[in-house]
Amino acid sequence: MPKILLVDDDIELTELLAELLSLEGFDILVVHNGQEALKELEIQHYDLVLLDVMMPVLNGIETLKQVRQKYDLPVLMLSARDDDIDRVLGLELGADDYLPKPFNDRELIARIKAILRRTKVIKENNVVDIIDDEENDRKLLNFGGVELHPGRQQAIFEGKDLDLTGTEFALLQILMRHPGQILSRELLSIEILGKRLTPYDRAIDMHISNLRKKLPERNDNLPWFKTLRGRGYLLVTDK
């Protein structure tokens, strides 16, 4: 049963969400500020964090900064403020996705399941995905000196872990599986974030930007990605 840490100071909302997520088969623990969340993460492992932005004691943005310094687990940000600055900042700091309040219950469930499937925590039927190491070794991807190990969700360059988030890893993986091929932002949003692209949605763009910062310079001096305005992104080949 996937474990979710829900961090929000809205008592009524957390009670409703805890009941909803429990009925969907998730194990839920609720805390009401970022400081409590950080303490809880030191005690036990969680598969995903639902993190509100506006909270007392320690807000969601500051909490996310500290989470990313220590943990590589998916974070879905929640906020009553549909503010571009908050949304972009959260994505820059490594949030996997962002959902403004009020939101549809089914959309929240869909986003959670998409993130958990992507990080190999659960399959479509909510069963833990047990991965065979030997099989994963055969699926290893290599491009430009970067090795992707799908089973471990790990990207390595010259023996160094690139410390990608689950979303960044999934995005790089799909691009590496289709080198030189244009992948639309709509397709990437559906495949990586489990949602259709909406106007002014910059989540995929921010994850590409984060990848560009984390990836090393290529030996052939080519850029990793090319942005095709109105069309999408491609992984640049030497052809």
C-alpha atoms as a PDB file:
ATOM      1  CA  MET A   1       0.000   0.000   0.000  1.00  0.00           C
ATOM      2  CA  PRO A   2       1.663   3.279  -1.120  1.00  0.00           C
ATOM      3  CA  LYS A   3       2.279   5.704   1.750  1.00  0.00           C
ATOM      4  CA  ILE A   4       1.457   9.385   1.280  1.00  0.00           C
ATOM      5  CA  LEU A   5       2.386  12.253   3.586  1.00  0.00           C
ATOM      6  CA  LEU A   6      -0.240  15.014   3.353  1.00  0.00           C
ATOM      7  CA  VAL A   7       1.049  18.391   4.544  1.00  0.00           C
ATOM      8  CA  ASP A   8      -1.598  21.116   4.834  1.00  0.00           C
ATOM      9  CA  ASP A   9      -2.835  23.394   7.609  1.00  0.00           C
ATOM     10  CA  ASP A  10      -6.477  23.259   6.426  1.00  0.00           C
ATOM     11  CA  ILE A  11      -7.954  20.835   8.968  1.00  0.00           C
ATOM     12  CA  GLU A  12     -11.275  20.328   7.177  1.00  0.00           C
ATOM     13  CA  LEU A  13      -9.617  19.742   3.806  1.00  0.00           C
ATOM     14  CA  THR A  14      -7.070  17.276   5.178  1.00  0.00           C
ATOM     15  CA  GLU A  15      -9.830  15.248   6.838  1.00  0.00           C
ATOM     16  CA  LEU A  16     -11.708  15.005   3.529  1.00  0.00           C
ATOM     17  CA  LEU A  17      -8.568  14.195   1.532  1.00  0.00           C
ATOM     18  CA  ALA A  18      -7.399  11.602   4.045  1.00  0.00           C
ATOM     19  CA  GLU A  19     -10.751   9.813   3.774  1.00  0.00           C
ATOM     20  CA  LEU A  20     -10.748  10.017  -0.029  1.00  0.00           C
ATOM     21  CA  LEU A  21      -7.193   8.745  -0.414  1.00  0.00           C
ATOM     22  CA  SER A  22      -7.734   5.968   2.112  1.00  0.00           C
ATOM     23  CA  LEU A  23     -10.715   4.745   0.102  1.00  0.00           C
ATOM     24  CA  GLU A  24      -8.446   4.712  -2.970  1.00  0.00           C
ATOM     25  CA  GLY A  25      -6.079   2.321  -1.219  1.00  0.00           C
ATOM     26  CA  PHE A  26      -3.411   4.721   0.034  1.00  0.00           C
ATOM     27  CA  ASP A  27      -1.894   4.803   3.518  1.00  0.00           C
ATOM     28  CA  ILE A  28      -2.194   8.446   4.623  1.00  0.00           C
ATOM     29  CA  LEU A  29      -0.542  10.423   7.386  1.00  0.00           C
ATOM     30  CA  VAL A  30      -1.483  14.089   7.894  1.00  0.00           C
ATOM     31  CA  VAL A  31       0.698  16.842   9.351  1.00  0.00           C
ATOM     32  CA  HIS A  32      -0.103  20.548   9.390  1.00  0.00           C
ATOM     33  CA  ASN A  33       3.133  22.382   8.672  1.00  0.00           C
ATOM     34  CA  GLY A  34       6.485  21.887   6.997  1.00  0.00           C
ATOM     35  CA  GLN A  35       8.408  21.444  10.205  1.00  0.00           C
ATOM     36  CA  GLU A  36       6.219  18.503  11.216  1.00  0.00           C
ATOM     37  CA  ALA A  37       6.639  17.054   7.715  1.00  0.00           C
ATOM     38  CA  LEU A  38      10.441  17.151   7.885  1.00  0.00           C
ATOM     39  CA  LYS A  39      10.389  15.413  11.271  1.00  0.00           C
ATOM     40  CA  GLU A  40       8.071  12.719   9.933  1.00  0.00           C
ATOM     41  CA  LEU A  41      10.268  12.082   6.897  1.00  0.00           C
ATOM     42  CA  GLU A  42      13.179  11.385   9.235  1.00  0.00           C
ATOM     43  CA  ILE A  43      11.143   8.689  10.990  1.00  0.00           C
ATOM     44  CA  GLN A  44       9.792   6.664   8.080  1.00  0.00           C
ATOM     45  CA  HIS A  45       9.702   6.342   4.303  1.00  0.00           C
ATOM     46  CA  TYR A  46       6.901   7.778   2.183  1.00  0.00           C
ATOM     47  CA  ASP A  47       6.164   7.171  -1.478  1.00  0.00           C
ATOM     48  CA  LEU A  48       4.838  10.661  -2.159  1.00  0.00           C
ATOM     49  CA  VAL A  49       4.348  14.005  -0.414  1.00  0.00           C
ATOM     50  CA  LEU A  50       1.299  16.209  -1.010  1.00  0.00           C
ATOM     51  CA  LEU A  51       2.604  19.612   0.031  1.00  0.00           C
ATOM     52  CA  ASP A  52       0.578  22.797   0.458  1.00  0.00           C
ATOM     53  CA  VAL A  53       2.339  26.100  -0.263  1.00  0.00           C
ATOM     54  CA  MET A  54       0.746  28.451   2.260  1.00  0.00           C
ATOM     55  CA  MET A  55       1.332  27.121   5.785  1.00  0.00           C
ATOM     56  CA  PRO A  56       2.418  28.455   9.172  1.00  0.00           C
ATOM     57  CA  VAL A  57       5.769  27.694  10.865  1.00  0.00           C
ATOM     58  CA  LEU A  58       7.444  26.519   7.641  1.00  0.00           C
ATOM     59  CA  ASN A  59       5.773  27.108   4.293  1.00  0.00           C
ATOM     60  CA  GLY A  60       5.675  24.682   1.387  1.00  0.00           C
ATOM     61  CA  ILE A  61       8.422  26.331  -0.677  1.00  0.00           C
ATOM     62  CA  GLU A  62      10.925  26.293   2.202  1.00  0.00           C
ATOM     63  CA  THR A  63       9.881  22.746   3.080  1.00  0.00           C
ATOM     64  CA  LEU A  64      10.428  21.633  -0.528  1.00  0.00           C
ATOM     65  CA  LYS A  65      13.950  23.101  -0.482  1.00  0.00           C
ATOM     66  CA  GLN A  66      14.853  21.027   2.563  1.00  0.00           C
ATOM     67  CA  VAL A  67      13.131  17.889   1.251  1.00  0.00           C
ATOM     68  CA  ARG A  68      15.130  18.065  -1.980  1.00  0.00           C
ATOM     69  CA  GLN A  69      18.397  18.383  -0.036  1.00  0.00           C
ATOM     70  CA  LYS A  70      17.820  15.007   1.628  1.00  0.00           C
ATOM     71  CA  TYR A  71      15.217  12.950  -0.197  1.00  0.00           C
ATOM     72  CA  ASP A  72      14.503  11.776  -3.728  1.00  0.00           C
ATOM     73  CA  LEU A  73      10.779  11.197  -3.433  1.00  0.00           C
ATOM     74  CA  PRO A  74       7.993  12.698  -5.533  1.00  0.00           C
ATOM     75  CA  VAL A  75       6.337  15.896  -4.358  1.00  0.00           C
ATOM     76  CA  LEU A  76       2.997  17.203  -5.626  1.00  0.00           C
ATOM     77  CA  MET A  77       2.459  20.834  -4.632  1.00  0.00           C
ATOM     78  CA  LEU A  78      -0.987  22.124  -3.662  1.00  0.00           C
ATOM     79  CA  SER A  79      -1.981  25.761  -3.306  1.00  0.00           C
ATOM     80  CA  ALA A  80      -5.042  27.986  -3.056  1.00  0.00           C
ATOM     81  CA  ARG A  81      -3.028  30.596  -4.932  1.00  0.00           C
ATOM     82  CA  ASP A  82      -2.931  29.974  -8.683  1.00  0.00           C
ATOM     83  CA  ASP A  83       0.196  32.131  -8.829  1.00  0.00           C
ATOM     84  CA  ASP A  84       2.692  31.714 -11.660  1.00  0.00           C
ATOM     85  CA  ILE A  85       5.569  32.719  -9.379  1.00  0.00           C
ATOM     86  CA  ASP A  86       4.736  30.050  -6.792  1.00  0.00           C
ATOM     87  CA  ARG A  87       4.182  27.445  -9.482  1.00  0.00           C
ATOM     88  CA  VAL A  88       7.421  28.167 -11.356  1.00  0.00           C
ATOM     89  CA  LEU A  89       9.442  28.391  -8.141  1.00  0.00           C
ATOM     90  CA  GLY A  90       8.077  25.064  -6.927  1.00  0.00           C
ATOM     91  CA  LEU A  91       8.947  23.372 -10.212  1.00  0.00           C
ATOM     92  CA  GLU A  92      12.410  24.952 -10.264  1.00  0.00           C
ATOM     93  CA  LEU A  93      13.047  23.587  -6.778  1.00  0.00           C
ATOM     94  CA  GLY A  94      12.164  20.056  -7.894  1.00  0.00           C
ATOM     95  CA  ALA A  95       8.428  19.602  -7.354  1.00  0.00           C
ATOM     96  CA  ASP A  96       7.079  16.911  -9.684  1.00  0.00           C
ATOM     97  CA  ASP A  97       3.831  18.707 -10.383  1.00  0.00           C
ATOM     98  CA  TYR A  98       1.574  21.494  -9.152  1.00  0.00           C
ATOM     99  CA  LEU A  99      -2.185  21.433  -8.575  1.00  0.00           C
ATOM    100  CA  PRO A 100      -4.076  24.655  -7.717  1.00  0.00           C
ATOM    101  CA  LYS A 101      -6.987  24.608  -5.280  1.00  0.00           C
ATOM    102  CA  PRO A 102      -9.867  24.053  -5.611  1.00  0.00           C
ATOM    103  CA  PHE A 103      -9.229  20.867  -7.563  1.00  0.00           C
ATOM    104  CA  ASN A 104     -11.326  17.958  -8.718  1.00  0.00           C
ATOM    105  CA  ASP A 105     -10.929  14.869  -6.528  1.00  0.00           C
ATOM    106  CA  ARG A 106     -10.552  12.592  -9.538  1.00  0.00           C
ATOM    107  CA  GLU A 107      -7.853  14.807 -11.018  1.00  0.00           C
ATOM    108  CA  LEU A 108      -5.879  14.645  -7.770  1.00  0.00           C
ATOM    109  CA  ILE A 109      -6.140  10.842  -7.709  1.00  0.00           C
ATOM    110  CA  ALA A 110      -5.108  10.658 -11.372  1.00  0.00           C
ATOM    111  CA  ARG A 111      -2.071  12.877 -10.773  1.00  0.00           C
ATOM    112  CA  ILE A 112      -0.993  10.831  -7.751  1.00  0.00           C
ATOM    113  CA  LYS A 113      -1.319   7.529  -9.596  1.00  0.00           C
ATOM    114  CA  ALA A 114       0.555   8.883 -12.625  1.00  0.00           C
ATOM    115  CA  ILE A 115       3.450  10.021 -10.440  1.00  0.00           C
ATOM    116  CA  LEU A 116       3.571   6.749  -8.529  1.00  0.00           C
ATOM    117  CA  ARG A 117       3.470   4.660 -11.697  1.00  0.00           C
ATOM    118  CA  ARG A 118       6.290   6.733 -13.107  1.00  0.00           C
ATOM    119  CA  THR A 119       8.459   6.246 -10.054  1.00  0.00           C
ATOM    120  CA  LYS A 120       7.853   2.476 -10.089  1.00  0.00           C
ATOM    121  CA  VAL A 121       6.016   2.508  -6.779  1.00  0.00           C
ATOM    122  CA  ILE A 122       2.722   1.125  -8.102  1.00  0.00           C
ATOM    123  CA  LYS A 123       1.280  -0.270 -11.312  1.00  0.00           C
ATOM    124  CA  GLU A 124      -2.123   0.518 -12.787  1.00  0.00           C
ATOM    125  CA  ASN A 125      -3.736  -1.871 -10.312  1.00  0.00           C
ATOM    126  CA  ASN A 126      -1.941  -0.309  -7.311  1.00  0.00           C
ATOM    127  CA  VAL A 127       0.279  -3.362  -6.818  1.00  0.00           C
ATOM    128  CA  VAL A 128       3.892  -2.757  -5.916  1.00  0.00           C
ATOM    129  CA  ASP A 129       6.079  -3.119  -9.005  1.00  0.00           C
ATOM    130  CA  ILE A 130       8.859  -5.562  -8.163  1.00  0.00           C
ATOM    131  CA  ILE A 131      11.717  -5.043 -10.593  1.00  0.00           C
ATOM    132  CA  ASP A 132      14.173  -7.678 -11.767  1.00  0.00           C
ATOM    133  CA  ASP A 133      17.704  -6.212 -11.646  1.00  0.00           C
ATOM    134  CA  GLU A 134      19.035  -8.361 -14.473  1.00  0.00           C
ATOM    135  CA  GLU A 135      16.181  -7.357 -16.741  1.00  0.00           C
ATOM    136  CA  ASN A 136      16.768  -3.698 -15.927  1.00  0.00           C
ATOM    137  CA  ASP A 137      20.473  -3.987 -16.706  1.00  0.00           C
ATOM    138  CA  ARG A 138      19.519  -5.105 -20.214  1.00  0.00           C
ATOM    139  CA  LYS A 139      17.323  -2.012 -20.555  1.00  0.00           C
ATOM    140  CA  LEU A 140      20.136   0.383 -19.680  1.00  0.00           C
ATOM    141  CA  LEU A 141      20.187   3.452 -21.942  1.00  0.00           C
ATOM    142  CA  ASN A 142      23.349   5.299 -22.920  1.00  0.00           C
ATOM    143  CA  PHE A 143      23.545   8.589 -24.788  1.00  0.00           C
ATOM    144  CA  GLY A 144      26.281  11.205 -24.808  1.00  0.00           C
ATOM    145  CA  GLY A 145      28.055   9.447 -21.959  1.00  0.00           C
ATOM    146  CA  VAL A 146      24.977   9.522 -19.707  1.00  0.00           C
ATOM    147  CA  GLU A 147      23.771   6.121 -18.533  1.00  0.00           C
ATOM    148  CA  LEU A 148      20.158   5.632 -17.472  1.00  0.00           C
ATOM    149  CA  HIS A 149      19.368   2.697 -15.180  1.00  0.00           C
ATOM    150  CA  PRO A 150      15.546   2.412 -15.247  1.00  0.00           C
ATOM    151  CA  GLY A 151      15.326  -0.120 -12.423  1.00  0.00           C
ATOM    152  CA  ARG A 152      17.225   2.132 -10.035  1.00  0.00           C
ATOM    153  CA  GLN A 153      15.805   5.346 -11.494  1.00  0.00           C
ATOM    154  CA  GLN A 154      19.402   6.550 -11.675  1.00  0.00           C
ATOM    155  CA  ALA A 155      21.283   8.676 -14.221  1.00  0.00           C
ATOM    156  CA  ILE A 156      25.083   8.440 -14.166  1.00  0.00           C
ATOM    157  CA  PHE A 157      27.830  10.369 -15.960  1.00  0.00           C
ATOM    158  CA  GLU A 158      31.465   9.311 -15.522  1.00  0.00           C
ATOM    159  CA  GLY A 159      30.546   7.429 -12.360  1.00  0.00           C
ATOM    160  CA  LYS A 160      28.692  10.383 -10.819  1.00  0.00           C
ATOM    161  CA  ASP A 161      25.010  10.295  -9.972  1.00  0.00           C
ATOM    162  CA  LEU A 162      23.266  13.266 -11.618  1.00  0.00           C
ATOM    163  CA  ASP A 163      20.716  13.377  -8.787  1.00  0.00           C
ATOM    164  CA  LEU A 164      17.617  13.661 -10.986  1.00  0.00           C
ATOM    165  CA  THR A 165      14.127  13.780  -9.550  1.00  0.00           C
ATOM    166  CA  GLY A 166      11.697  11.071 -10.643  1.00  0.00           C
ATOM    167  CA  THR A 167      10.046  13.432 -13.119  1.00  0.00           C
ATOM    168  CA  GLU A 168      13.372  14.594 -14.559  1.00  0.00           C
ATOM    169  CA  PHE A 169      14.480  10.987 -14.948  1.00  0.00           C
ATOM    170  CA  ALA A 170      11.254  10.002 -16.730  1.00  0.00           C
ATOM    171  CA  LEU A 171      11.508  12.987 -19.060  1.00  0.00           C
ATOM    172  CA  LEU A 172      15.139  12.250 -19.958  1.00  0.00           C
ATOM    173  CA  GLN A 173      14.299   8.569 -20.443  1.00  0.00           C
ATOM    174  CA  ILE A 174      11.524   9.186 -22.972  1.00  0.00           C
ATOM    175  CA  LEU A 175      13.711  11.648 -24.898  1.00  0.00           C
ATOM    176  CA  MET A 176      16.637   9.205 -24.915  1.00  0.00           C
ATOM    177  CA  ARG A 177      14.371   6.465 -26.240  1.00  0.00           C
ATOM    178  CA  HIS A 178      13.501   8.742 -29.190  1.00  0.00           C
ATOM    179  CA  PRO A 179      16.744  10.591 -30.086  1.00  0.00           C
ATOM    180  CA  GLY A 180      16.356  13.135 -32.865  1.00  0.00           C
ATOM    181  CA  GLN A 181      12.568  12.804 -32.765  1.00  0.00           C
ATOM    182  CA  ILE A 182      10.301  15.732 -31.945  1.00  0.00           C
ATOM    183  CA  LEU A 183       8.108  14.973 -28.934  1.00  0.00           C
ATOM    184  CA  SER A 184       5.269  17.433 -28.413  1.00  0.00           C
ATOM    185  CA  ARG A 185       4.695  19.161 -25.093  1.00  0.00           C
ATOM    186  CA  GLU A 186       1.194  17.640 -25.084  1.00  0.00           C
ATOM    187  CA  LEU A 187       2.588  14.113 -25.436  1.00  0.00           C
ATOM    188  CA  LEU A 188       5.246  14.731 -22.773  1.00  0.00           C
ATOM    189  CA  SER A 189       2.662  16.152 -20.368  1.00  0.00           C
ATOM    190  CA  ILE A 190       0.407  13.119 -20.787  1.00  0.00           C
ATOM    191  CA  GLU A 191       3.213  10.548 -20.624  1.00  0.00           C
ATOM    192  CA  ILE A 192       5.254  12.154 -17.843  1.00  0.00           C
ATOM    193  CA  LEU A 193       2.735  14.080 -15.727  1.00  0.00           C
ATOM    194  CA  GLY A 194      -0.409  12.099 -16.505  1.00  0.00           C
ATOM    195  CA  LYS A 195      -2.384  15.180 -17.553  1.00  0.00           C
ATOM    196  CA  ARG A 196      -3.384  17.002 -20.726  1.00  0.00           C
ATOM    197  CA  LEU A 197      -1.597  20.245 -21.458  1.00  0.00           C
ATOM    198  CA  THR A 198      -3.501  23.379 -20.491  1.00  0.00           C
ATOM    199  CA  PRO A 199      -2.928  26.989 -21.601  1.00  0.00           C
ATOM    200  CA  TYR A 200       0.045  28.620 -19.857  1.00  0.00           C
ATOM    201  CA  ASP A 201       1.099  25.291 -18.323  1.00  0.00           C
ATOM    202  CA  ARG A 202       4.893  25.470 -18.031  1.00  0.00           C
ATOM    203  CA  ALA A 203       5.554  22.315 -16.035  1.00  0.00           C
ATOM    204  CA  ILE A 204       7.278  20.408 -18.863  1.00  0.00           C
ATOM    205  CA  ASP A 205       9.292  23.493 -19.815  1.00  0.00           C
ATOM    206  CA  MET A 206      10.520  23.898 -16.234  1.00  0.00           C
ATOM    207  CA  HIS A 207      11.523  20.227 -15.993  1.00  0.00           C
ATOM    208  CA  ILE A 208      13.482  20.574 -19.267  1.00  0.00           C
ATOM    209  CA  SER A 209      15.160  23.677 -17.845  1.00  0.00           C
ATOM    210  CA  ASN A 210      16.112  21.765 -14.684  1.00  0.00           C
ATOM    211  CA  LEU A 211      17.537  18.922 -16.784  1.00  0.00           C
ATOM    212  CA  ARG A 212      19.662  21.349 -18.781  1.00  0.00           C
ATOM    213  CA  LYS A 213      21.166  22.625 -15.526  1.00  0.00           C
ATOM    214  CA  LYS A 214      21.933  19.141 -14.187  1.00  0.00           C
ATOM    215  CA  LEU A 215      23.304  17.477 -17.310  1.00  0.00           C
ATOM    216  CA  PRO A 216      27.054  17.803 -18.012  1.00  0.00           C
ATOM    217  CA  GLU A 217      28.459  19.387 -21.142  1.00  0.00           C
ATOM    218  CA  ARG A 218      28.484  16.951 -24.037  1.00  0.00           C
ATOM    219  CA  ASN A 219      31.827  15.844 -25.473  1.00  0.00           C
ATOM    220  CA  ASP A 220      30.641  16.800 -28.968  1.00  0.00           C
ATOM    221  CA  ASN A 221      29.706  20.314 -27.722  1.00  0.00           C
ATOM    222  CA  LEU A 222      26.145  19.920 -28.975  1.00  0.00           C
ATOM    223  CA  PRO A 223      23.223  20.987 -26.790  1.00  0.00           C
ATOM    224  CA  TRP A 224      21.241  18.209 -25.139  1.00  0.00           C
ATOM    225  CA  PHE A 225      17.843  19.440 -26.231  1.00  0.00           C
ATOM    226  CA  LYS A 226      16.388  21.593 -28.957  1.00  0.00           C
ATOM    227  CA  THR A 227      13.214  23.573 -28.403  1.00  0.00           C
ATOM    228  CA  LEU A 228      10.924  23.809 -31.411  1.00  0.00           C
ATOM    229  CA  ARG A 229       8.456  26.590 -30.744  1.00  0.00           C
ATOM    230  CA  GLY A 230       4.904  25.365 -31.009  1.00  0.00           C
ATOM    231  CA  ARG A 231       6.050  21.789 -31.686  1.00  0.00           C
ATOM    232  CA  GLY A 232       7.951  20.422 -28.687  1.00  0.00           C
ATOM    233  CA  TYR A 233      11.416  19.131 -27.774  1.00  0.00           C
ATOM    234  CA  LEU A 234      13.945  16.720 -29.188  1.00  0.00           C
ATOM    235  CA  LEU A 235      17.147  15.122 -27.975  1.00  0.00           C
ATOM    236  CA  VAL A 236      19.849  16.453 -30.301  1.00  0.00           C
ATOM    237  CA  THR A 237      21.846  13.833 -32.192  1.00  0.00           C
ATOM    238  CA  ASP A 238      25.079  14.366 -34.123  1.00  0.00           C
ATOM    239  CA  LYS A 239      23.340  13.654 -37.414  1.00  0.00           C
END
